[in-house]
Amino acid sequence: MSASCGVVECVFVLGCARWLWKRCTYVGNYDSATWPAATADEFDPVPRVCRLILANYDPDLRNPHYYKPAPGHRLNPDWVVKRVTYEDTLGHAPPYLIYLDHEHKEIVLAVRGLNLVNESDYKVLLDNRLGQQMFDGGYVHRGLLKSAQWLLNRESETLKRLWLENGSEYDMVFTGHSLGSGVVSLLTILVVNHRDGLGGIPKEKIRCYAVAPARCMSLNLAVKYANVIHSVVLQDDFLPRTPTPLEDIFKSIFCLPCLLLLVCLRDTFIPEGRKLRDPRRLYAPGRMYHIVERKFCRCGRFPPEVRTAIPVDGRFEHIVLSCNATSDHGIIWIEREAEKALQLMKGKSSETVTEPPTVQKFERLKTIEKEHRDALERAVSLNVPHAVDSAEEETAEKNEGEEASDSGNNNVSSTQSKSSDRRSNWDEVVEKLLKKSKTVELNHE
């Protein structure tokens, strides 16, 4: 009897040692090990939007104090349409700015990240419970959705005016960091579902860059909007990997390593299939761009490389027990490493060009579209809740977009001739999407 107990104890000790070794040696590099490399063209806006997010931190853009980019990378203060501070938002949303980038033909709304000493940011985070808010056939963070709704009600007329005045050549770009990334991700979903509210802007003109994103939407929504929303993650960043509700993370901000360790222990024993079948589990949104600069048992930072994919299973599910888990969340580090990675990609692409750039862009666009279709089909095959509805809606939207593109110029002119003074009620858009979500939930039950 004692011998058999000894064998069981040895097996148990060996199993625990094996698990401890795998957890302690897991690095962020493994999350995207099988992903293909990103191209310079698709990653080009990332350092630029990071600099616009950083502009929210400086009171005087002509004499920046907190962040001083290279001369060729500084934004033009004369192109800043509006800056909104905490005093203006009254706690409904983080500070943001609207920037009209004539050089790159973009209308950018950039939202800053969490302010650890500002009470209103915590109120946004704490306004949520797991599975409390169903939206657009999935689940989202309730506080972030309300913040996005308030932001659109306030600025939709400004964005609409800028797009109509500057013509159809301009893109509409939403970007944010940390807390702001969740706000702009849900804001993008609202805009995509009611493009008439911004002057009839085509879906292909709308883009979102969520930098160091919060897990703010269910998996079916994260995959459905992967052709519009792009998430940027630096190496070991803790926030995109932590399924714990945001309010619990920031309640424990002063003992964050302890919380991450406990979450890591808990999630180890949850089967992957059970995670995927949980409709209330939130994920980082959209297509993922992973900036990798450190490898296992290698000291120091290496030249960064960027990998991209639309993952369904294994979407940053493993917390990395790393001393860089919090520093990799910083917007300044992300901007620096993104700029380095972009310059390396441009150098490599200039050395290996074998086809005209227009042909390369066309082929890459077709590849991205195929990856999105494959991700939707993968979500259906894994029985992700509501994934069937997302796939069907995406196909219908694509068909509508192709029909609309045939008469695109006529639509723009007719939109301009309509009454542009009518204010869009984004509350009605949210109500429609909430009703739709309830209908989907009842059908699945």
Protein backbone atom coordinates (compact mmCIF):
# COMPACT_ATOMS: atom_id res chain seq x y z
CA MET A 1 0.00 0.00 0.00
CA SER A 2 2.75 2.44 0.96
CA ALA A 3 4.67 1.63 -2.23
CA SER A 4 1.65 2.40 -4.41
CA CYS A 5 1.09 5.69 -2.53
CA GLY A 6 4.73 6.58 -3.15
CA VAL A 7 4.31 5.97 -6.87
CA VAL A 8 1.20 8.18 -6.97
CA GLU A 9 3.01 10.92 -5.12
CA CYS A 10 5.96 10.75 -7.51
CA VAL A 11 3.66 10.94 -10.52
CA PHE A 12 1.84 13.92 -8.96
CA VAL A 13 5.11 15.72 -8.20
CA LEU A 14 6.43 15.09 -11.71
CA GLY A 15 3.17 16.33 -13.24
CA CYS A 16 3.26 19.52 -11.16
CA ALA A 17 6.93 20.06 -12.02
CA ARG A 18 6.19 19.61 -15.72
CA TRP A 19 3.29 22.08 -15.56
CA LEU A 20 5.39 24.60 -13.61
CA TRP A 21 8.21 24.34 -16.16
CA LYS A 22 5.85 24.89 -19.10
CA ARG A 23 4.17 27.88 -17.45
CA CYS A 24 7.38 29.56 -16.31
CA THR A 25 9.13 29.07 -19.66
CA TYR A 26 6.18 30.20 -21.79
CA VAL A 27 7.04 33.41 -23.66
CA GLY A 28 4.92 35.72 -25.79
CA ASN A 29 6.81 34.60 -28.88
CA TYR A 30 4.91 31.28 -28.81
CA ASP A 31 1.47 32.89 -29.26
CA SER A 32 2.14 33.80 -32.89
CA ALA A 33 4.81 31.24 -33.78
CA THR A 34 2.76 29.87 -36.71
CA TRP A 35 1.50 33.21 -38.03
CA PRO A 36 2.77 34.72 -41.30
CA ALA A 37 4.70 37.98 -41.34
CA ALA A 38 2.85 41.26 -41.86
CA THR A 39 3.67 43.50 -44.81
CA ALA A 40 4.91 47.08 -44.62
CA ASP A 41 1.84 48.45 -46.43
CA GLU A 42 -0.70 47.06 -43.99
CA PHE A 43 1.37 47.88 -40.88
CA ASP A 44 2.35 51.38 -42.04
CA PRO A 45 -0.41 53.29 -40.13
CA VAL A 46 0.40 51.72 -36.73
CA PRO A 47 3.33 53.93 -35.60
CA ARG A 48 1.48 56.95 -36.93
CA VAL A 49 -1.69 56.30 -34.92
CA CYS A 50 0.43 55.60 -31.83
CA ARG A 51 1.88 59.10 -32.12
CA LEU A 52 -1.62 60.57 -32.41
CA ILE A 53 -2.67 58.73 -29.24
CA LEU A 54 0.40 60.11 -27.47
CA ALA A 55 -0.61 63.63 -28.53
CA ASN A 56 -3.46 63.40 -26.00
CA TYR A 57 -0.90 63.51 -23.20
CA ASP A 58 0.71 66.85 -24.18
CA PRO A 59 -1.14 70.10 -23.42
CA ASP A 60 0.93 72.02 -25.98
CA LEU A 61 1.42 70.16 -29.27
CA ARG A 62 3.81 72.77 -30.63
CA ASN A 63 6.18 72.19 -27.70
CA PRO A 64 5.66 68.56 -26.66
CA HIS A 65 6.91 67.70 -23.20
CA TYR A 66 5.98 64.07 -22.53
CA TYR A 67 6.88 62.66 -25.93
CA LYS A 68 9.22 64.15 -28.55
CA PRO A 69 9.15 62.16 -31.81
CA ALA A 70 11.68 62.63 -34.60
CA PRO A 71 11.18 65.81 -36.65
CA GLY A 72 9.79 63.94 -39.64
CA HIS A 73 7.22 62.17 -37.45
CA ARG A 74 5.72 65.12 -35.59
CA LEU A 75 2.08 65.85 -36.21
CA ASN A 76 0.97 69.19 -37.60
CA PRO A 77 -0.85 71.13 -34.85
CA ASP A 78 -2.75 73.08 -37.52
CA TRP A 79 -4.45 69.86 -38.62
CA VAL A 80 -5.90 69.18 -35.16
CA VAL A 81 -9.64 69.79 -35.53
CA LYS A 82 -10.59 69.28 -31.89
CA ARG A 83 -9.04 68.31 -28.55
CA VAL A 84 -11.27 67.14 -25.71
CA THR A 85 -10.07 66.85 -22.10
CA TYR A 86 -11.49 65.24 -18.96
CA GLU A 87 -13.24 68.52 -18.14
CA ASP A 88 -15.12 68.29 -21.44
CA THR A 89 -16.03 64.60 -21.33
CA LEU A 90 -17.38 64.83 -17.74
CA GLY A 91 -16.23 61.27 -17.13
CA HIS A 92 -18.19 59.71 -19.99
CA ALA A 93 -15.06 58.89 -22.04
CA PRO A 94 -11.27 59.30 -21.92
CA PRO A 95 -9.74 62.41 -23.56
CA TYR A 96 -9.44 62.29 -27.34
CA LEU A 97 -8.55 64.37 -30.37
CA ILE A 98 -9.76 64.58 -33.97
CA TYR A 99 -6.98 65.00 -36.52
CA LEU A 100 -7.31 65.71 -40.25
CA ASP A 101 -4.23 64.11 -41.82
CA HIS A 102 -3.98 65.62 -45.30
CA GLU A 103 -0.68 63.86 -46.01
CA HIS A 104 -2.15 60.37 -45.65
CA LYS A 105 -5.76 61.38 -46.40
CA GLU A 106 -7.18 60.21 -43.10
CA ILE A 107 -9.70 61.55 -40.60
CA VAL A 108 -8.47 60.20 -37.27
CA LEU A 109 -10.19 60.03 -33.90
CA ALA A 110 -7.55 59.05 -31.30
CA VAL A 111 -8.50 58.15 -27.70
CA ARG A 112 -5.94 58.00 -24.89
CA GLY A 113 -5.56 55.13 -22.44
CA LEU A 114 -6.37 54.67 -18.77
CA ASN A 115 -5.37 57.40 -16.34
CA LEU A 116 -4.55 55.65 -13.06
CA VAL A 117 -5.31 58.77 -11.00
CA ASN A 118 -8.59 59.68 -12.69
CA GLU A 119 -11.76 58.44 -11.04
CA SER A 120 -13.95 58.63 -14.15
CA ASP A 121 -11.88 56.02 -16.02
CA TYR A 122 -12.49 53.53 -13.22
CA LYS A 123 -16.23 54.20 -13.41
CA VAL A 124 -16.19 53.19 -17.07
CA LEU A 125 -14.33 49.98 -16.22
CA LEU A 126 -16.53 49.07 -13.26
CA ASP A 127 -19.75 49.46 -15.25
CA ASN A 128 -19.87 45.83 -16.27
CA ARG A 129 -20.63 42.33 -15.14
CA LEU A 130 -19.73 39.12 -16.92
CA GLY A 131 -22.39 38.49 -19.56
CA GLN A 132 -24.38 41.56 -18.59
CA GLN A 133 -24.47 43.23 -22.00
CA MET A 134 -25.45 41.39 -25.18
CA PHE A 135 -24.93 43.39 -28.36
CA ASP A 136 -25.02 42.74 -32.12
CA GLY A 137 -25.36 39.00 -31.67
CA GLY A 138 -22.55 38.75 -29.12
CA TYR A 139 -21.42 40.11 -25.77
CA VAL A 140 -19.46 43.29 -25.03
CA HIS A 141 -18.20 45.30 -22.07
CA ARG A 142 -21.15 47.46 -20.96
CA GLY A 143 -19.17 50.48 -19.70
CA LEU A 144 -17.04 50.67 -22.86
CA LEU A 145 -20.15 50.43 -25.04
CA LYS A 146 -21.81 53.32 -23.18
CA SER A 147 -18.63 55.37 -23.54
CA ALA A 148 -18.51 54.67 -27.30
CA GLN A 149 -22.17 55.58 -27.63
CA TRP A 150 -21.65 58.90 -25.83
CA LEU A 151 -18.60 59.69 -27.95
CA LEU A 152 -20.47 59.14 -31.22
CA ASN A 153 -23.47 61.18 -30.10
CA ARG A 154 -21.07 64.03 -29.40
CA GLU A 155 -18.75 63.85 -32.44
CA SER A 156 -20.68 62.16 -35.26
CA GLU A 157 -21.64 65.50 -36.84
CA THR A 158 -18.03 66.68 -36.78
CA LEU A 159 -16.79 63.45 -38.38
CA LYS A 160 -19.59 63.51 -40.95
CA ARG A 161 -18.80 67.12 -41.89
CA LEU A 162 -15.08 66.39 -42.28
CA TRP A 163 -15.73 63.41 -44.54
CA LEU A 164 -18.22 65.23 -46.74
CA GLU A 165 -16.01 68.32 -47.03
CA ASN A 166 -12.84 66.41 -47.93
CA GLY A 167 -14.33 64.00 -50.42
CA SER A 168 -14.42 60.25 -50.72
CA GLU A 169 -10.62 59.88 -50.94
CA TYR A 170 -10.24 60.16 -47.17
CA ASP A 171 -10.45 57.19 -44.79
CA MET A 172 -12.08 57.28 -41.36
CA VAL A 173 -9.65 55.92 -38.75
CA PHE A 174 -10.48 55.23 -35.10
CA THR A 175 -7.64 54.42 -32.73
CA GLY A 176 -7.08 54.09 -29.00
CA HIS A 177 -4.78 52.61 -26.39
CA SER A 178 -5.73 50.31 -23.48
CA LEU A 179 -9.06 51.64 -22.17
CA GLY A 180 -9.39 53.76 -25.31
CA SER A 181 -8.89 50.71 -27.52
CA GLY A 182 -12.05 49.14 -26.13
CA VAL A 183 -14.00 52.36 -26.66
CA VAL A 184 -12.94 52.78 -30.31
CA SER A 185 -13.47 49.07 -31.09
CA LEU A 186 -17.12 49.21 -30.01
CA LEU A 187 -17.48 52.66 -31.60
CA THR A 188 -16.34 51.12 -34.89
CA ILE A 189 -19.03 48.44 -34.67
CA LEU A 190 -21.65 51.17 -34.19
CA VAL A 191 -20.36 53.11 -37.21
CA VAL A 192 -20.19 50.03 -39.45
CA ASN A 193 -23.81 49.21 -38.59
CA HIS A 194 -25.01 52.77 -39.29
CA ARG A 195 -22.74 54.30 -41.91
CA ASP A 196 -25.45 56.78 -42.99
CA GLY A 197 -24.83 58.55 -39.70
CA LEU A 198 -21.42 59.60 -41.03
CA GLY A 199 -22.57 60.65 -44.47
CA GLY A 200 -22.88 57.23 -46.10
CA ILE A 201 -19.20 56.36 -45.78
CA PRO A 202 -18.36 52.96 -47.38
CA LYS A 203 -17.28 50.16 -45.05
CA GLU A 204 -13.92 49.81 -46.81
CA LYS A 205 -13.14 53.41 -45.79
CA ILE A 206 -13.50 52.62 -42.07
CA ARG A 207 -10.56 51.27 -40.06
CA CYS A 208 -9.84 50.82 -36.38
CA TYR A 209 -6.48 50.28 -34.66
CA ALA A 210 -6.78 49.00 -31.09
CA VAL A 211 -3.33 49.36 -29.49
CA ALA A 212 -2.67 47.14 -26.45
CA PRO A 213 -6.35 46.16 -26.64
CA ALA A 214 -8.66 45.31 -23.80
CA ARG A 215 -10.74 42.14 -24.08
CA CYS A 216 -14.04 43.86 -24.85
CA MET A 217 -16.13 41.58 -27.12
CA SER A 218 -17.11 37.95 -27.55
CA LEU A 219 -15.28 35.73 -30.01
CA ASN A 220 -17.90 35.81 -32.77
CA LEU A 221 -17.77 39.63 -32.85
CA ALA A 222 -13.97 39.67 -32.71
CA VAL A 223 -13.84 37.46 -35.83
CA LYS A 224 -16.78 39.09 -37.62
CA TYR A 225 -15.19 42.56 -37.58
CA ALA A 226 -11.62 41.41 -38.25
CA ASN A 227 -11.69 43.07 -41.67
CA VAL A 228 -12.23 46.48 -40.01
CA ILE A 229 -10.66 46.29 -36.53
CA HIS A 230 -6.91 45.67 -36.11
CA SER A 231 -5.36 44.94 -32.72
CA VAL A 232 -1.67 45.63 -32.02
CA VAL A 233 0.06 43.68 -29.23
CA LEU A 234 3.66 44.08 -28.10
CA GLN A 235 5.30 40.78 -27.05
CA ASP A 236 4.15 39.89 -23.49
CA ASP A 237 1.46 42.54 -22.88
CA PHE A 238 -0.82 41.30 -20.09
CA LEU A 239 -4.11 43.02 -21.02
CA PRO A 240 -5.02 41.18 -24.29
CA ARG A 241 -4.27 37.89 -22.50
CA THR A 242 -6.27 38.39 -19.31
CA PRO A 243 -9.84 37.07 -19.53
CA THR A 244 -10.58 38.38 -16.04
CA PRO A 245 -13.07 41.28 -16.22
CA LEU A 246 -11.38 44.65 -16.53
CA GLU A 247 -12.82 45.88 -13.26
CA ASP A 248 -11.09 43.05 -11.36
CA ILE A 249 -7.76 43.83 -13.04
CA PHE A 250 -7.74 47.45 -12.03
CA LYS A 251 -9.13 46.79 -8.56
CA SER A 252 -5.96 44.74 -8.10
CA ILE A 253 -3.63 47.14 -9.92
CA PHE A 254 -1.27 47.31 -6.94
CA CYS A 255 -0.97 43.54 -6.77
CA LEU A 256 -1.28 42.78 -10.47
CA PRO A 257 1.43 40.05 -10.56
CA CYS A 258 -0.46 38.11 -7.88
CA LEU A 259 -3.71 38.38 -9.85
CA LEU A 260 -2.06 37.28 -13.10
CA LEU A 261 -0.54 34.25 -11.37
CA LEU A 262 -3.91 33.19 -9.94
CA VAL A 263 -5.64 33.66 -13.33
CA CYS A 264 -2.85 31.67 -14.98
CA LEU A 265 -3.38 28.82 -12.50
CA ARG A 266 -7.15 28.86 -12.98
CA ASP A 267 -7.14 28.93 -16.79
CA THR A 268 -4.68 26.05 -16.98
CA PHE A 269 -7.41 23.67 -15.86
CA ILE A 270 -10.15 25.00 -18.18
CA PRO A 271 -10.41 22.94 -21.41
CA GLU A 272 -10.02 24.89 -24.66
CA GLY A 273 -13.38 23.69 -25.94
CA ARG A 274 -15.15 24.99 -22.87
CA LYS A 275 -13.56 28.42 -23.34
CA LEU A 276 -14.68 28.57 -26.97
CA ARG A 277 -18.24 27.56 -26.14
CA ASP A 278 -18.62 30.24 -23.48
CA PRO A 279 -20.55 33.05 -25.24
CA ARG A 280 -19.81 35.52 -22.43
CA ARG A 281 -16.05 35.16 -22.54
CA LEU A 282 -14.53 38.37 -23.91
CA TYR A 283 -11.57 38.61 -26.31
CA ALA A 284 -9.27 41.17 -27.89
CA PRO A 285 -10.95 42.42 -31.09
CA GLY A 286 -10.29 41.90 -34.79
CA ARG A 287 -7.18 40.94 -36.71
CA MET A 288 -4.08 40.65 -34.52
CA TYR A 289 -0.66 42.18 -35.17
CA HIS A 290 1.90 40.75 -32.77
CA ILE A 291 5.21 42.61 -32.42
CA VAL A 292 7.84 40.07 -31.31
CA GLU A 293 11.25 41.17 -30.04
CA ARG A 294 12.29 38.61 -27.37
CA LYS A 295 12.75 34.85 -27.51
CA PHE A 296 13.15 32.05 -25.00
CA CYS A 297 16.56 31.90 -23.27
CA ARG A 298 17.77 34.89 -25.28
CA CYS A 299 18.86 38.02 -23.43
CA GLY A 300 17.91 41.51 -24.53
CA ARG A 301 15.69 42.83 -27.30
CA PHE A 302 16.12 41.72 -30.89
CA PRO A 303 15.09 43.48 -34.11
CA PRO A 304 11.28 43.39 -33.88
CA GLU A 305 9.20 41.44 -36.35
CA VAL A 306 5.44 41.64 -36.84
CA ARG A 307 3.23 38.59 -37.34
CA THR A 308 -0.45 38.76 -38.22
CA ALA A 309 -3.48 36.47 -38.29
CA ILE A 310 -7.17 36.24 -37.42
CA PRO A 311 -6.94 33.56 -34.71
CA VAL A 312 -10.05 31.80 -33.49
CA ASP A 313 -8.74 29.17 -31.09
CA GLY A 314 -5.64 30.19 -29.18
CA ARG A 315 -6.33 33.93 -29.35
CA PHE A 316 -3.78 35.08 -26.73
CA GLU A 317 -5.18 32.67 -24.16
CA HIS A 318 -1.95 32.12 -22.18
CA ILE A 319 -0.80 34.68 -19.64
CA VAL A 320 2.96 35.21 -19.82
CA LEU A 321 4.70 35.26 -16.44
CA SER A 322 7.21 37.88 -17.51
CA CYS A 323 8.78 40.95 -15.94
CA ASN A 324 7.85 42.75 -19.18
CA ALA A 325 4.13 41.92 -19.00
CA THR A 326 3.27 45.43 -17.79
CA SER A 327 6.03 47.45 -19.50
CA ASP A 328 4.98 46.01 -22.89
CA HIS A 329 1.62 47.67 -22.33
CA GLY A 330 3.12 51.18 -22.49
CA ILE A 331 2.18 53.22 -25.55
CA ILE A 332 5.65 54.77 -25.85
CA TRP A 333 7.33 51.35 -26.06
CA ILE A 334 4.75 50.15 -28.56
CA GLU A 335 5.31 53.19 -30.79
CA ARG A 336 9.09 52.79 -30.73
CA GLU A 337 9.09 49.08 -31.49
CA ALA A 338 6.38 49.46 -34.15
CA GLU A 339 8.45 52.13 -35.91
CA LYS A 340 11.56 49.93 -35.78
CA ALA A 341 9.63 46.96 -37.16
CA LEU A 342 8.13 49.08 -39.94
CA GLN A 343 11.53 50.37 -41.07
CA LEU A 344 12.89 46.80 -41.13
CA MET A 345 9.91 45.62 -43.20
CA LYS A 346 10.36 48.48 -45.66
CA GLY A 347 14.06 47.66 -45.99
CA LYS A 348 13.34 43.99 -46.70
CA SER A 349 10.54 44.71 -49.17
CA SER A 350 12.73 47.13 -51.14
CA GLU A 351 15.41 44.45 -51.46
CA THR A 352 13.08 41.67 -52.63
CA VAL A 353 10.61 43.46 -54.94
CA THR A 354 9.86 41.21 -57.92
CA GLU A 355 6.40 42.53 -58.88
CA PRO A 356 4.87 45.99 -59.34
CA PRO A 357 3.56 47.44 -56.03
CA THR A 358 -0.02 47.58 -57.32
CA VAL A 359 0.04 43.84 -58.04
CA GLN A 360 1.50 43.09 -54.60
CA LYS A 361 -1.21 45.17 -52.88
CA PHE A 362 -3.96 43.47 -54.88
CA GLU A 363 -2.68 39.98 -54.05
CA ARG A 364 -2.30 40.87 -50.36
CA LEU A 365 -5.85 42.24 -50.28
CA LYS A 366 -7.18 38.99 -51.71
CA THR A 367 -5.18 37.03 -49.13
CA ILE A 368 -6.60 39.11 -46.27
CA GLU A 369 -10.16 38.58 -47.55
CA LYS A 370 -9.57 34.83 -47.76
CA GLU A 371 -8.14 34.77 -44.21
CA HIS A 372 -11.27 36.48 -42.96
CA ARG A 373 -13.58 33.97 -44.67
CA ASP A 374 -11.49 31.09 -43.34
CA ALA A 375 -11.65 32.51 -39.80
CA LEU A 376 -15.44 32.78 -39.98
CA GLU A 377 -15.69 29.19 -41.20
CA ARG A 378 -13.28 28.07 -38.47
CA ALA A 379 -15.46 29.72 -35.83
CA VAL A 380 -18.50 27.85 -37.16
CA SER A 381 -16.63 24.53 -37.17
CA LEU A 382 -15.57 25.05 -33.54
CA ASN A 383 -19.19 25.68 -32.49
CA VAL A 384 -18.47 29.19 -31.30
CA PRO A 385 -21.85 30.60 -30.14
CA HIS A 386 -23.57 32.86 -32.70
CA ALA A 387 -20.71 32.35 -35.19
CA VAL A 388 -23.18 31.11 -37.85
CA ASP A 389 -25.08 34.39 -37.70
CA SER A 390 -21.84 36.37 -38.03
CA ALA A 391 -20.74 34.40 -41.08
CA GLU A 392 -24.10 34.80 -42.82
CA GLU A 393 -24.23 38.53 -42.09
CA GLU A 394 -20.68 39.06 -43.35
CA THR A 395 -21.56 37.36 -46.65
CA ALA A 396 -24.68 39.49 -47.02
CA GLU A 397 -22.74 42.69 -46.24
CA LYS A 398 -20.11 41.80 -48.83
CA ASN A 399 -22.77 41.31 -51.51
CA GLU A 400 -24.36 44.63 -50.58
CA GLY A 401 -20.96 46.32 -50.72
CA GLU A 402 -20.29 44.99 -54.21
CA GLU A 403 -23.65 46.30 -55.40
CA ALA A 404 -23.05 49.66 -53.79
CA SER A 405 -19.56 50.01 -55.28
CA ASP A 406 -21.05 50.03 -58.80
CA SER A 407 -22.77 53.33 -58.03
CA GLY A 408 -20.35 54.73 -55.44
CA ASN A 409 -19.89 58.18 -56.93
CA ASN A 410 -23.64 58.67 -57.31
CA ASN A 411 -24.19 57.71 -53.68
CA VAL A 412 -21.65 60.26 -52.44
CA SER A 413 -23.20 63.09 -54.46
CA SER A 414 -26.73 62.15 -53.40
CA THR A 415 -25.64 61.96 -49.76
CA GLN A 416 -24.19 65.44 -49.98
CA SER A 417 -27.42 66.77 -51.47
CA LYS A 418 -29.47 65.37 -48.58
CA SER A 419 -30.00 67.27 -45.39
CA SER A 420 -26.63 67.13 -43.67
CA ASP A 421 -27.98 69.05 -40.69
CA ARG A 422 -30.02 66.10 -39.44
CA ARG A 423 -28.38 64.73 -36.32
CA SER A 424 -28.05 60.94 -36.21
CA ASN A 425 -29.40 59.37 -33.04
CA TRP A 426 -26.87 56.71 -32.12
CA ASP A 427 -29.02 55.66 -29.17
CA GLU A 428 -31.52 54.25 -31.70
CA VAL A 429 -28.72 52.31 -33.39
CA VAL A 430 -27.74 50.75 -30.06
CA GLU A 431 -31.37 49.85 -29.31
CA LYS A 432 -31.73 48.11 -32.67
CA LEU A 433 -28.57 46.09 -32.11
CA LEU A 434 -29.68 45.18 -28.58
CA LYS A 435 -33.07 44.00 -29.85
CA LYS A 436 -31.33 42.02 -32.56
CA SER A 437 -29.10 40.41 -29.93
CA LYS A 438 -32.09 39.39 -27.82
CA THR A 439 -33.74 37.82 -30.87
CA VAL A 440 -30.55 35.88 -31.68
CA GLU A 441 -30.28 34.67 -28.07
CA LEU A 442 -33.91 33.48 -28.04
CA ASN A 443 -33.44 31.64 -31.35
CA HIS A 444 -30.38 29.82 -30.03
CA GLU A 445 -32.21 28.85 -26.85
